[in-house]
PDB file of N, CA and C in Angstrom:
ATOM      1  N   MET A   1      40.304   4.012  24.129  1.00  0.00           N
ATOM      2  CA  MET A   1      38.865   3.891  24.010  1.00  0.00           C
ATOM      3  C   MET A   1      38.408   4.392  22.760  1.00  0.00           C
ATOM      4  N   THR A   2      37.639   3.647  22.015  1.00  0.00           N
ATOM      5  CA  THR A   2      36.970   4.247  20.902  1.00  0.00           C
ATOM      6  C   THR A   2      36.058   5.102  21.057  1.00  0.00           C
ATOM      7  N   THR A   3      35.706   6.182  20.064  1.00  0.00           N
ATOM      8  CA  THR A   3      34.958   7.160  19.995  1.00  0.00           C
ATOM      9  C   THR A   3      33.940   7.100  18.724  1.00  0.00           C
ATOM     10  N   TYR A   4      32.694   7.264  18.647  1.00  0.00           N
ATOM     11  CA  TYR A   4      31.765   7.268  17.583  1.00  0.00           C
ATOM     12  C   TYR A   4      31.269   8.569  17.605  1.00  0.00           C
ATOM     13  N   GLN A   5      30.839   9.104  16.285  1.00  0.00           N
ATOM     14  CA  GLN A   5      29.630  10.146  16.350  1.00  0.00           C
ATOM     15  C   GLN A   5      28.710   9.498  15.522  1.00  0.00           C
ATOM     16  N   HIS A   6      27.572  10.132  16.005  1.00  0.00           N
ATOM     17  CA  HIS A   6      26.193   9.629  15.597  1.00  0.00           C
ATOM     18  C   HIS A   6      25.402  10.638  15.096  1.00  0.00           C
ATOM     19  N   SER A   7      24.884  10.327  13.884  1.00  0.00           N
ATOM     20  CA  SER A   7      23.765  11.358  13.312  1.00  0.00           C
ATOM     21  C   SER A   7      22.681  10.701  13.249  1.00  0.00           C
ATOM     22  N   LEU A   8      21.666  11.616  13.348  1.00  0.00           N
ATOM     23  CA  LEU A   8      20.022  10.945  13.421  1.00  0.00           C
ATOM     24  C   LEU A   8      19.365  11.939  12.926  1.00  0.00           C
ATOM     25  N   THR A   9      18.347  11.950  12.089  1.00  0.00           N
ATOM     26  CA  THR A   9      17.418  13.038  11.598  1.00  0.00           C
ATOM     27  C   THR A   9      16.211  12.759  12.185  1.00  0.00           C
ATOM     28  N   LEU A  10      15.431  13.583  12.914  1.00  0.00           N
ATOM     29  CA  LEU A  10      13.987  13.523  13.546  1.00  0.00           C
ATOM     30  C   LEU A  10      12.939  14.390  12.865  1.00  0.00           C
ATOM     31  N   SER A  11      12.030  14.124  12.804  1.00  0.00           N
ATOM     32  CA  SER A  11      10.919  15.104  12.644  1.00  0.00           C
ATOM     33  C   SER A  11      10.283  15.967  13.773  1.00  0.00           C
ATOM     34  N   ASP A  12       9.541  16.764  13.597  1.00  0.00           N
ATOM     35  CA  ASP A  12       9.336  17.893  14.425  1.00  0.00           C
ATOM     36  C   ASP A  12       8.741  17.291  16.056  1.00  0.00           C
ATOM     37  N   GLY A  13       7.675  16.214  15.551  1.00  0.00           N
ATOM     38  CA  GLY A  13       7.087  15.394  16.810  1.00  0.00           C
ATOM     39  C   GLY A  13       8.091  14.689  17.399  1.00  0.00           C
ATOM     40  N   GLU A  14       8.837  13.904  16.752  1.00  0.00           N
ATOM     41  CA  GLU A  14      10.019  13.221  17.218  1.00  0.00           C
ATOM     42  C   GLU A  14      11.155  14.015  18.374  1.00  0.00           C
ATOM     43  N   MET A  15      11.304  15.243  17.715  1.00  0.00           N
ATOM     44  CA  MET A  15      12.080  16.313  18.411  1.00  0.00           C
ATOM     45  C   MET A  15      11.491  16.539  19.766  1.00  0.00           C
ATOM     46  N   ILE A  16      10.199  16.908  19.701  1.00  0.00           N
ATOM     47  CA  ILE A  16       9.401  17.030  20.809  1.00  0.00           C
ATOM     48  C   ILE A  16       9.420  16.284  21.939  1.00  0.00           C
ATOM     49  N   MET A  17       9.287  15.016  21.303  1.00  0.00           N
ATOM     50  CA  MET A  17       8.967  13.852  22.203  1.00  0.00           C
ATOM     51  C   MET A  17      10.391  13.660  22.917  1.00  0.00           C
ATOM     52  N   ILE A  18      11.544  13.591  22.167  1.00  0.00           N
ATOM     53  CA  ILE A  18      12.974  13.464  22.728  1.00  0.00           C
ATOM     54  C   ILE A  18      13.115  14.363  23.655  1.00  0.00           C
ATOM     55  N   GLN A  19      12.698  15.735  23.659  1.00  0.00           N
ATOM     56  CA  GLN A  19      13.021  16.732  24.398  1.00  0.00           C
ATOM     57  C   GLN A  19      12.116  16.440  25.498  1.00  0.00           C
ATOM     58  N   SER A  20      10.890  16.315  25.559  1.00  0.00           N
ATOM     59  CA  SER A  20      10.125  16.021  26.725  1.00  0.00           C
ATOM     60  C   SER A  20      10.773  14.742  27.605  1.00  0.00           C
ATOM     61  N   ALA A  21      11.004  13.552  26.838  1.00  0.00           N
ATOM     62  CA  ALA A  21      11.407  12.544  27.809  1.00  0.00           C
ATOM     63  C   ALA A  21      13.010  12.777  28.294  1.00  0.00           C
ATOM     64  N   LEU A  22      13.652  13.501  27.784  1.00  0.00           N
ATOM     65  CA  LEU A  22      15.137  13.839  28.355  1.00  0.00           C
ATOM     66  C   LEU A  22      14.874  14.754  29.525  1.00  0.00           C
ATOM     67  N   LEU A  23      14.056  15.652  29.616  1.00  0.00           N
ATOM     68  CA  LEU A  23      13.615  16.548  30.626  1.00  0.00           C
ATOM     69  C   LEU A  23      12.995  15.647  31.921  1.00  0.00           C
ATOM     70  N   HIS A  24      12.063  14.681  31.459  1.00  0.00           N
ATOM     71  CA  HIS A  24      11.607  13.699  32.544  1.00  0.00           C
ATOM     72  C   HIS A  24      12.801  12.793  32.962  1.00  0.00           C
ATOM     73  N   MET A  25      13.803  12.216  32.247  1.00  0.00           N
ATOM     74  CA  MET A  25      14.746  11.673  32.825  1.00  0.00           C
ATOM     75  C   MET A  25      15.841  12.331  33.627  1.00  0.00           C
ATOM     76  N   ILE A  26      15.956  13.608  33.264  1.00  0.00           N
ATOM     77  CA  ILE A  26      16.989  14.602  34.009  1.00  0.00           C
ATOM     78  C   ILE A  26      16.143  14.775  35.500  1.00  0.00           C
ATOM     79  N   VAL A  27      14.555  15.124  35.448  1.00  0.00           N
ATOM     80  CA  VAL A  27      14.061  14.939  36.799  1.00  0.00           C
ATOM     81  C   VAL A  27      13.936  13.696  37.648  1.00  0.00           C
ATOM     82  N   ARG A  28      13.749  12.562  36.953  1.00  0.00           N
ATOM     83  CA  ARG A  28      14.117  11.233  37.558  1.00  0.00           C
ATOM     84  C   ARG A  28      15.376  11.121  38.178  1.00  0.00           C
ATOM     85  N   CYS A  29      16.410  11.430  37.405  1.00  0.00           N
ATOM     86  CA  CYS A  29      17.669  11.218  37.880  1.00  0.00           C
ATOM     87  C   CYS A  29      18.029  12.064  39.116  1.00  0.00           C
ATOM     88  N   GLU A  30      17.511  13.340  39.258  1.00  0.00           N
ATOM     89  CA  GLU A  30      17.741  14.301  40.227  1.00  0.00           C
ATOM     90  C   GLU A  30      16.865  13.644  41.669  1.00  0.00           C
ATOM     91  N   ALA A  31      15.637  13.052  41.286  1.00  0.00           N
ATOM     92  CA  ALA A  31      14.913  12.551  42.470  1.00  0.00           C
ATOM     93  C   ALA A  31      15.754  11.392  43.022  1.00  0.00           C
ATOM     94  N   ASN A  32      16.528  10.474  42.306  1.00  0.00           N
ATOM     95  CA  ASN A  32      17.251   9.366  42.703  1.00  0.00           C
ATOM     96  C   ASN A  32      18.442   9.876  43.291  1.00  0.00           C
ATOM     97  N   LEU A  33      18.868  11.098  42.857  1.00  0.00           N
ATOM     98  CA  LEU A  33      20.116  11.330  43.518  1.00  0.00           C
ATOM     99  C   LEU A  33      19.984  12.246  44.784  1.00  0.00           C
ATOM    100  N   ILE A  34      18.562  12.656  45.139  1.00  0.00           N
ATOM    101  CA  ILE A  34      18.283  13.169  46.321  1.00  0.00           C
ATOM    102  C   ILE A  34      18.250  12.182  47.442  1.00  0.00           C
ATOM    103  N   ASP A  35      18.025  10.877  47.063  1.00  0.00           N
ATOM    104  CA  ASP A  35      18.016   9.817  48.139  1.00  0.00           C
ATOM    105  C   ASP A  35      19.656   9.247  48.245  1.00  0.00           C
ATOM    106  N   GLY A  36      20.426   9.861  47.626  1.00  0.00           N
ATOM    107  CA  GLY A  36      21.870   9.582  47.640  1.00  0.00           C
ATOM    108  C   GLY A  36      22.485   8.375  46.863  1.00  0.00           C
ATOM    109  N   ILE A  37      21.525   7.905  45.991  1.00  0.00           N
ATOM    110  CA  ILE A  37      21.932   6.853  44.917  1.00  0.00           C
ATOM    111  C   ILE A  37      22.527   7.623  43.781  1.00  0.00           C
ATOM    112  N   LYS A  38      24.023   7.101  43.643  1.00  0.00           N
ATOM    113  CA  LYS A  38      24.597   7.916  42.573  1.00  0.00           C
ATOM    114  C   LYS A  38      24.688   7.261  41.281  1.00  0.00           C
ATOM    115  N   ALA A  39      24.968   6.011  41.569  1.00  0.00           N
ATOM    116  CA  ALA A  39      25.035   5.074  40.029  1.00  0.00           C
ATOM    117  C   ALA A  39      23.814   4.409  39.675  1.00  0.00           C
ATOM    118  N   PRO A  40      23.462   4.597  38.487  1.00  0.00           N
ATOM    119  CA  PRO A  40      23.830   5.451  37.177  1.00  0.00           C
ATOM    120  C   PRO A  40      23.231   6.656  37.075  1.00  0.00           C
ATOM    121  N   TYR A  41      22.572   7.020  38.207  1.00  0.00           N
ATOM    122  CA  TYR A  41      21.744   8.282  37.870  1.00  0.00           C
ATOM    123  C   TYR A  41      22.772   9.728  37.680  1.00  0.00           C
ATOM    124  N   TRP A  42      23.935   9.721  38.259  1.00  0.00           N
ATOM    125  CA  TRP A  42      24.691  10.944  37.834  1.00  0.00           C
ATOM    126  C   TRP A  42      24.981  10.820  36.572  1.00  0.00           C
ATOM    127  N   ALA A  43      25.542   9.896  36.246  1.00  0.00           N
ATOM    128  CA  ALA A  43      26.216   9.843  34.642  1.00  0.00           C
ATOM    129  C   ALA A  43      25.094  10.003  33.638  1.00  0.00           C
ATOM    130  N   ASN A  44      23.845   9.611  34.031  1.00  0.00           N
ATOM    131  CA  ASN A  44      22.822   9.703  33.237  1.00  0.00           C
ATOM    132  C   ASN A  44      22.232  11.242  33.232  1.00  0.00           C
ATOM    133  N   LYS A  45      22.348  11.600  34.217  1.00  0.00           N
ATOM    134  CA  LYS A  45      21.829  12.953  34.423  1.00  0.00           C
ATOM    135  C   LYS A  45      22.776  13.937  33.481  1.00  0.00           C
ATOM    136  N   ILE A  46      24.081  13.812  33.672  1.00  0.00           N
ATOM    137  CA  ILE A  46      24.828  14.379  32.867  1.00  0.00           C
ATOM    138  C   ILE A  46      24.721  14.503  31.285  1.00  0.00           C
ATOM    139  N   ASP A  47      24.702  13.031  30.955  1.00  0.00           N
ATOM    140  CA  ASP A  47      24.584  12.944  29.692  1.00  0.00           C
ATOM    141  C   ASP A  47      23.251  13.359  29.060  1.00  0.00           C
ATOM    142  N   ALA A  48      21.948  13.154  29.994  1.00  0.00           N
ATOM    143  CA  ALA A  48      20.836  13.494  29.411  1.00  0.00           C
ATOM    144  C   ALA A  48      20.927  15.226  29.392  1.00  0.00           C
ATOM    145  N   THR A  49      21.325  15.962  30.130  1.00  0.00           N
ATOM    146  CA  THR A  49      21.615  17.281  30.124  1.00  0.00           C
ATOM    147  C   THR A  49      22.230  17.765  29.089  1.00  0.00           C
ATOM    148  N   ASN A  50      23.518  17.066  28.622  1.00  0.00           N
ATOM    149  CA  ASN A  50      24.239  17.520  27.549  1.00  0.00           C
ATOM    150  C   ASN A  50      23.429  17.178  26.240  1.00  0.00           C
ATOM    151  N   VAL A  51      22.915  16.170  26.054  1.00  0.00           N
ATOM    152  CA  VAL A  51      21.759  15.803  24.824  1.00  0.00           C
ATOM    153  C   VAL A  51      21.068  16.994  24.727  1.00  0.00           C
ATOM    154  N   PHE A  52      20.344  17.270  25.857  1.00  0.00           N
ATOM    155  CA  PHE A  52      19.046  18.198  25.816  1.00  0.00           C
ATOM    156  C   PHE A  52      19.566  19.515  25.385  1.00  0.00           C
ATOM    157  N   ASN A  53      20.746  19.994  25.928  1.00  0.00           N
ATOM    158  CA  ASN A  53      21.492  21.366  25.722  1.00  0.00           C
ATOM    159  C   ASN A  53      21.808  21.434  24.096  1.00  0.00           C
ATOM    160  N   ARG A  54      22.109  20.251  23.465  1.00  0.00           N
ATOM    161  CA  ARG A  54      22.440  20.319  21.909  1.00  0.00           C
ATOM    162  C   ARG A  54      21.579  19.910  21.114  1.00  0.00           C
ATOM    163  N   LEU A  55      20.346  19.562  21.475  1.00  0.00           N
ATOM    164  CA  LEU A  55      19.156  19.025  20.779  1.00  0.00           C
ATOM    165  C   LEU A  55      18.812  19.912  19.488  1.00  0.00           C
ATOM    166  N   PHE A  56      18.941  21.188  19.704  1.00  0.00           N
ATOM    167  CA  PHE A  56      18.398  21.898  18.442  1.00  0.00           C
ATOM    168  C   PHE A  56      19.599  22.598  17.661  1.00  0.00           C
ATOM    169  N   ASP A  57      20.824  22.224  18.047  1.00  0.00           N
ATOM    170  CA  ASP A  57      22.169  22.781  17.495  1.00  0.00           C
ATOM    171  C   ASP A  57      22.306  22.896  15.900  1.00  0.00           C
ATOM    172  N   ASN A  58      21.713  21.783  15.325  1.00  0.00           N
ATOM    173  CA  ASN A  58      22.032  21.474  13.995  1.00  0.00           C
ATOM    174  C   ASN A  58      20.627  21.456  13.042  1.00  0.00           C
ATOM    175  N   SER A  59      19.720  22.147  13.799  1.00  0.00           N
ATOM    176  CA  SER A  59      18.416  22.163  12.978  1.00  0.00           C
ATOM    177  C   SER A  59      18.247  22.753  11.650  1.00  0.00           C
ATOM    178  N   ILE A  60      17.673  22.231  10.678  1.00  0.00           N
ATOM    179  CA  ILE A  60      17.647  22.880   9.252  1.00  0.00           C
ATOM    180  C   ILE A  60      16.023  22.639   8.859  1.00  0.00           C
ATOM    181  N   GLN A  61      15.595  23.792   8.544  1.00  0.00           N
ATOM    182  CA  GLN A  61      14.101  23.878   8.272  1.00  0.00           C
ATOM    183  C   GLN A  61      13.981  23.282   6.940  1.00  0.00           C
ATOM    184  N   MET A  62      13.318  22.236   6.673  1.00  0.00           N
ATOM    185  CA  MET A  62      13.244  21.620   5.382  1.00  0.00           C
ATOM    186  C   MET A  62      12.072  21.950   4.348  1.00  0.00           C
ATOM    187  N   SER A  63      11.000  22.641   5.108  1.00  0.00           N
ATOM    188  CA  SER A  63       9.764  23.113   4.412  1.00  0.00           C
ATOM    189  C   SER A  63       9.344  24.143   5.089  1.00  0.00           C
ATOM    190  N   GLY A  64       8.231  24.864   4.534  1.00  0.00           N
ATOM    191  CA  GLY A  64       7.369  25.799   5.203  1.00  0.00           C
ATOM    192  C   GLY A  64       7.642  27.181   4.595  1.00  0.00           C
ATOM    193  N   ASN A  65       7.466  28.155   5.322  1.00  0.00           N
ATOM    194  CA  ASN A  65       7.438  29.539   5.289  1.00  0.00           C
ATOM    195  C   ASN A  65       7.956  30.399   6.331  1.00  0.00           C
ATOM    196  N   SER A  66       8.088  31.517   6.085  1.00  0.00           N
ATOM    197  CA  SER A  66       8.629  32.288   7.260  1.00  0.00           C
ATOM    198  C   SER A  66       7.420  32.476   8.530  1.00  0.00           C
ATOM    199  N   PHE A  67       6.363  32.434   8.236  1.00  0.00           N
ATOM    200  CA  PHE A  67       5.180  32.491   8.964  1.00  0.00           C
ATOM    201  C   PHE A  67       4.937  31.317   9.952  1.00  0.00           C
ATOM    202  N   SER A  68       5.392  30.143   9.441  1.00  0.00           N
ATOM    203  CA  SER A  68       5.368  28.822  10.440  1.00  0.00           C
ATOM    204  C   SER A  68       6.478  28.925  11.575  1.00  0.00           C
ATOM    205  N   SER A  69       6.139  27.999  12.421  1.00  0.00           N
ATOM    206  CA  SER A  69       7.067  27.568  13.662  1.00  0.00           C
ATOM    207  C   SER A  69       8.428  27.688  13.075  1.00  0.00           C
ATOM    208  N   THR A  70       9.319  28.403  13.884  1.00  0.00           N
ATOM    209  CA  THR A  70      10.558  28.453  13.816  1.00  0.00           C
ATOM    210  C   THR A  70      11.425  27.711  14.823  1.00  0.00           C
ATOM    211  N   LEU A  71      12.902  27.842  14.667  1.00  0.00           N
ATOM    212  CA  LEU A  71      13.702  27.266  15.653  1.00  0.00           C
ATOM    213  C   LEU A  71      13.533  27.918  17.062  1.00  0.00           C
ATOM    214  N   GLU A  72      13.536  29.194  16.890  1.00  0.00           N
ATOM    215  CA  GLU A  72      13.330  30.028  18.096  1.00  0.00           C
ATOM    216  C   GLU A  72      11.907  29.698  18.930  1.00  0.00           C
ATOM    217  N   ASP A  73      10.778  29.368  18.083  1.00  0.00           N
ATOM    218  CA  ASP A  73       9.665  28.761  18.692  1.00  0.00           C
ATOM    219  C   ASP A  73       9.982  27.435  19.643  1.00  0.00           C
ATOM    220  N   PHE A  74      10.617  26.543  18.992  1.00  0.00           N
ATOM    221  CA  PHE A  74      11.154  25.314  19.617  1.00  0.00           C
ATOM    222  C   PHE A  74      11.675  25.663  20.954  1.00  0.00           C
ATOM    223  N   LYS A  75      13.038  26.663  20.758  1.00  0.00           N
ATOM    224  CA  LYS A  75      13.710  26.945  21.858  1.00  0.00           C
ATOM    225  C   LYS A  75      12.755  27.531  22.972  1.00  0.00           C
ATOM    226  N   GLU A  76      11.794  28.454  22.719  1.00  0.00           N
ATOM    227  CA  GLU A  76      10.759  29.196  23.881  1.00  0.00           C
ATOM    228  C   GLU A  76      10.316  27.950  24.383  1.00  0.00           C
ATOM    229  N   LYS A  77       9.662  27.018  23.711  1.00  0.00           N
ATOM    230  CA  LYS A  77       9.116  25.935  24.166  1.00  0.00           C
ATOM    231  C   LYS A  77       9.891  25.157  25.031  1.00  0.00           C
ATOM    232  N   LYS A  78      11.116  24.696  24.821  1.00  0.00           N
ATOM    233  CA  LYS A  78      12.070  24.177  25.535  1.00  0.00           C
ATOM    234  C   LYS A  78      12.144  24.801  26.881  1.00  0.00           C
ATOM    235  N   ALA A  79      12.388  26.418  26.852  1.00  0.00           N
ATOM    236  CA  ALA A  79      12.657  26.823  28.174  1.00  0.00           C
ATOM    237  C   ALA A  79      11.269  26.980  28.939  1.00  0.00           C
ATOM    238  N   PHE A  80      10.155  26.744  28.337  1.00  0.00           N
ATOM    239  CA  PHE A  80       8.959  26.841  29.305  1.00  0.00           C
ATOM    240  C   PHE A  80       8.812  25.586  29.803  1.00  0.00           C
ATOM    241  N   GLU A  81       8.997  24.292  29.011  1.00  0.00           N
ATOM    242  CA  GLU A  81       9.285  23.037  29.757  1.00  0.00           C
ATOM    243  C   GLU A  81      10.099  23.033  30.785  1.00  0.00           C
ATOM    244  N   GLU A  82      11.430  23.408  30.550  1.00  0.00           N
ATOM    245  CA  GLU A  82      12.440  23.368  31.631  1.00  0.00           C
ATOM    246  C   GLU A  82      11.797  23.962  33.079  1.00  0.00           C
ATOM    247  N   LYS A  83      11.177  25.249  32.878  1.00  0.00           N
ATOM    248  CA  LYS A  83      10.502  25.850  33.920  1.00  0.00           C
ATOM    249  C   LYS A  83       9.732  24.933  34.680  1.00  0.00           C
ATOM    250  N   LEU A  84       8.704  24.271  33.879  1.00  0.00           N
ATOM    251  CA  LEU A  84       7.824  23.262  34.525  1.00  0.00           C
ATOM    252  C   LEU A  84       8.459  22.261  35.351  1.00  0.00           C
ATOM    253  N   LEU A  85       9.427  21.801  34.640  1.00  0.00           N
ATOM    254  CA  LEU A  85      10.033  20.430  35.199  1.00  0.00           C
ATOM    255  C   LEU A  85      10.918  20.914  36.357  1.00  0.00           C
ATOM    256  N   ILE A  86      11.275  21.969  36.383  1.00  0.00           N
ATOM    257  CA  ILE A  86      12.238  22.540  37.646  1.00  0.00           C
ATOM    258  C   ILE A  86      11.206  22.556  38.944  1.00  0.00           C
ATOM    259  N   LYS A  87       9.896  23.402  38.422  1.00  0.00           N
ATOM    260  CA  LYS A  87       8.814  23.417  39.519  1.00  0.00           C
ATOM    261  C   LYS A  87       8.594  21.867  39.958  1.00  0.00           C
ATOM    262  N   GLU A  88       8.371  21.105  39.249  1.00  0.00           N
ATOM    263  CA  GLU A  88       8.119  19.494  39.500  1.00  0.00           C
ATOM    264  C   GLU A  88       9.232  18.968  40.324  1.00  0.00           C
ATOM    265  N   LEU A  89      10.506  19.402  39.946  1.00  0.00           N
ATOM    266  CA  LEU A  89      11.634  18.656  40.626  1.00  0.00           C
ATOM    267  C   LEU A  89      11.736  19.263  42.185  1.00  0.00           C
ATOM    268  N   GLU A  90      11.429  20.592  42.290  1.00  0.00           N
ATOM    269  CA  GLU A  90      11.084  21.425  43.543  1.00  0.00           C
ATOM    270  C   GLU A  90      10.117  20.515  44.419  1.00  0.00           C
ATOM    271  N   LEU A  91       8.935  20.220  43.788  1.00  0.00           N
ATOM    272  CA  LEU A  91       8.058  19.741  44.759  1.00  0.00           C
ATOM    273  C   LEU A  91       8.308  18.169  45.050  1.00  0.00           C
ATOM    274  N   LEU A  92       9.045  17.633  44.243  1.00  0.00           N
ATOM    275  CA  LEU A  92       9.595  16.317  44.530  1.00  0.00           C
ATOM    276  C   LEU A  92      10.346  16.075  45.592  1.00  0.00           C
ATOM    277  N   ARG A  93      11.397  17.228  45.569  1.00  0.00           N
ATOM    278  CA  ARG A  93      12.307  17.384  46.797  1.00  0.00           C
ATOM    279  C   ARG A  93      11.819  17.683  48.066  1.00  0.00           C
ATOM    280  N   LYS A  94      10.644  18.432  48.058  1.00  0.00           N
ATOM    281  CA  LYS A  94       9.850  18.554  49.369  1.00  0.00           C
ATOM    282  C   LYS A  94       9.243  17.552  49.903  1.00  0.00           C
ATOM    283  N   ARG A  95       8.707  16.428  48.898  1.00  0.00           N
ATOM    284  CA  ARG A  95       8.184  15.259  49.264  1.00  0.00           C
ATOM    285  C   ARG A  95       8.989  14.444  49.682  1.00  0.00           C
ATOM    286  N   VAL A  96      10.192  14.369  49.014  1.00  0.00           N
ATOM    287  CA  VAL A  96      11.168  13.432  49.568  1.00  0.00           C
ATOM    288  C   VAL A  96      11.914  14.031  51.172  1.00  0.00           C
ATOM    289  N   ALA A  97      11.695  15.208  51.144  1.00  0.00           N
ATOM    290  CA  ALA A  97      12.241  15.774  52.715  1.00  0.00           C
ATOM    291  C   ALA A  97      11.371  15.494  53.553  1.00  0.00           C
ATOM    292  N   LYS A  98       9.951  15.474  53.511  1.00  0.00           N
ATOM    293  CA  LYS A  98       8.794  15.300  54.402  1.00  0.00           C
ATOM    294  C   LYS A  98       8.918  13.510  54.559  1.00  0.00           C
ATOM    295  N   LEU A  99       9.228  12.911  53.617  1.00  0.00           N
ATOM    296  CA  LEU A  99       9.201  11.248  53.822  1.00  0.00           C
ATOM    297  C   LEU A  99      10.377  10.941  54.899  1.00  0.00           C
ATOM    298  N   LYS A 100      11.811  11.502  54.589  1.00  0.00           N
ATOM    299  CA  LYS A 100      12.848  11.368  55.381  1.00  0.00           C
ATOM    300  C   LYS A 100      12.522  12.033  56.872  1.00  0.00           C
ATOM    301  N   ASP A 101      11.907  12.898  57.041  1.00  0.00           N
ATOM    302  CA  ASP A 101      11.467  13.473  58.232  1.00  0.00           C
ATOM    303  C   ASP A 101      10.363  12.642  58.901  1.00  0.00           C
ATOM    304  N   GLY A 102       9.594  11.877  58.326  1.00  0.00           N
ATOM    305  CA  GLY A 102       8.482  10.930  58.847  1.00  0.00           C
ATOM    306  C   GLY A 102       7.416  11.773  58.977  1.00  0.00           C
ATOM    307  N   THR A 103       7.082  12.761  58.144  1.00  0.00           N
ATOM    308  CA  THR A 103       5.957  13.582  58.415  1.00  0.00           C
ATOM    309  C   THR A 103       4.898  13.136  57.335  1.00  0.00           C
ATOM    310  N   ASN A 104       5.275  12.470  56.411  1.00  0.00           N
ATOM    311  CA  ASN A 104       4.291  11.749  55.423  1.00  0.00           C
ATOM    312  C   ASN A 104       4.576  10.527  55.140  1.00  0.00           C
ATOM    313  N   SER A 105       3.735   9.452  55.397  1.00  0.00           N
ATOM    314  CA  SER A 105       3.986   8.257  54.807  1.00  0.00           C
ATOM    315  C   SER A 105       4.103   7.817  53.330  1.00  0.00           C
ATOM    316  N   LYS A 106       3.528   8.612  52.492  1.00  0.00           N
ATOM    317  CA  LYS A 106       3.834   8.148  51.003  1.00  0.00           C
ATOM    318  C   LYS A 106       4.279   9.373  50.300  1.00  0.00           C
ATOM    319  N   LEU A 107       4.422   9.171  48.974  1.00  0.00           N
ATOM    320  CA  LEU A 107       4.617  10.343  47.982  1.00  0.00           C
ATOM    321  C   LEU A 107       3.345  10.561  47.565  1.00  0.00           C
ATOM    322  N   ALA A 108       2.615  11.615  48.120  1.00  0.00           N
ATOM    323  CA  ALA A 108       1.414  11.994  47.316  1.00  0.00           C
ATOM    324  C   ALA A 108       1.669  13.162  46.308  1.00  0.00           C
ATOM    325  N   PRO A 109       0.825  13.004  45.318  1.00  0.00           N
ATOM    326  CA  PRO A 109       0.833  13.882  44.321  1.00  0.00           C
ATOM    327  C   PRO A 109       0.561  15.434  44.818  1.00  0.00           C
ATOM    328  N   ASN A 110       1.194  16.345  44.515  1.00  0.00           N
ATOM    329  CA  ASN A 110       1.072  17.830  44.615  1.00  0.00           C
ATOM    330  C   ASN A 110       1.247  18.336  46.048  1.00  0.00           C
ATOM    331  N   GLN A 111       2.218  17.814  46.752  1.00  0.00           N
ATOM    332  CA  GLN A 111       2.422  18.138  48.202  1.00  0.00           C
ATOM    333  C   GLN A 111       3.590  18.940  48.276  1.00  0.00           C
TER     334      GLN A 111
END
């Protein structure tokens, strides 16, 4: 099998968007895995998690000064968003469990 290495340069805004999209993809994959559907969600979850964990590994500050946002600020924001999405995933799991038990006829927000 042929293997490629890909390099991509992204702006700060693009990094934040990619980070958010990956977190949402991980949550969506988890939701589908709860229902027992494995393909392609298992592989997509693993790949999205791997990319997410490496997202800031090769960051280089191109401009600014020591008073502006740093890589550590991005990592703190990443950890905060992870916690929020973990809570969202827990709520989603509870809603799916209620659906399976027949106690709720539809997935309602914030239950």
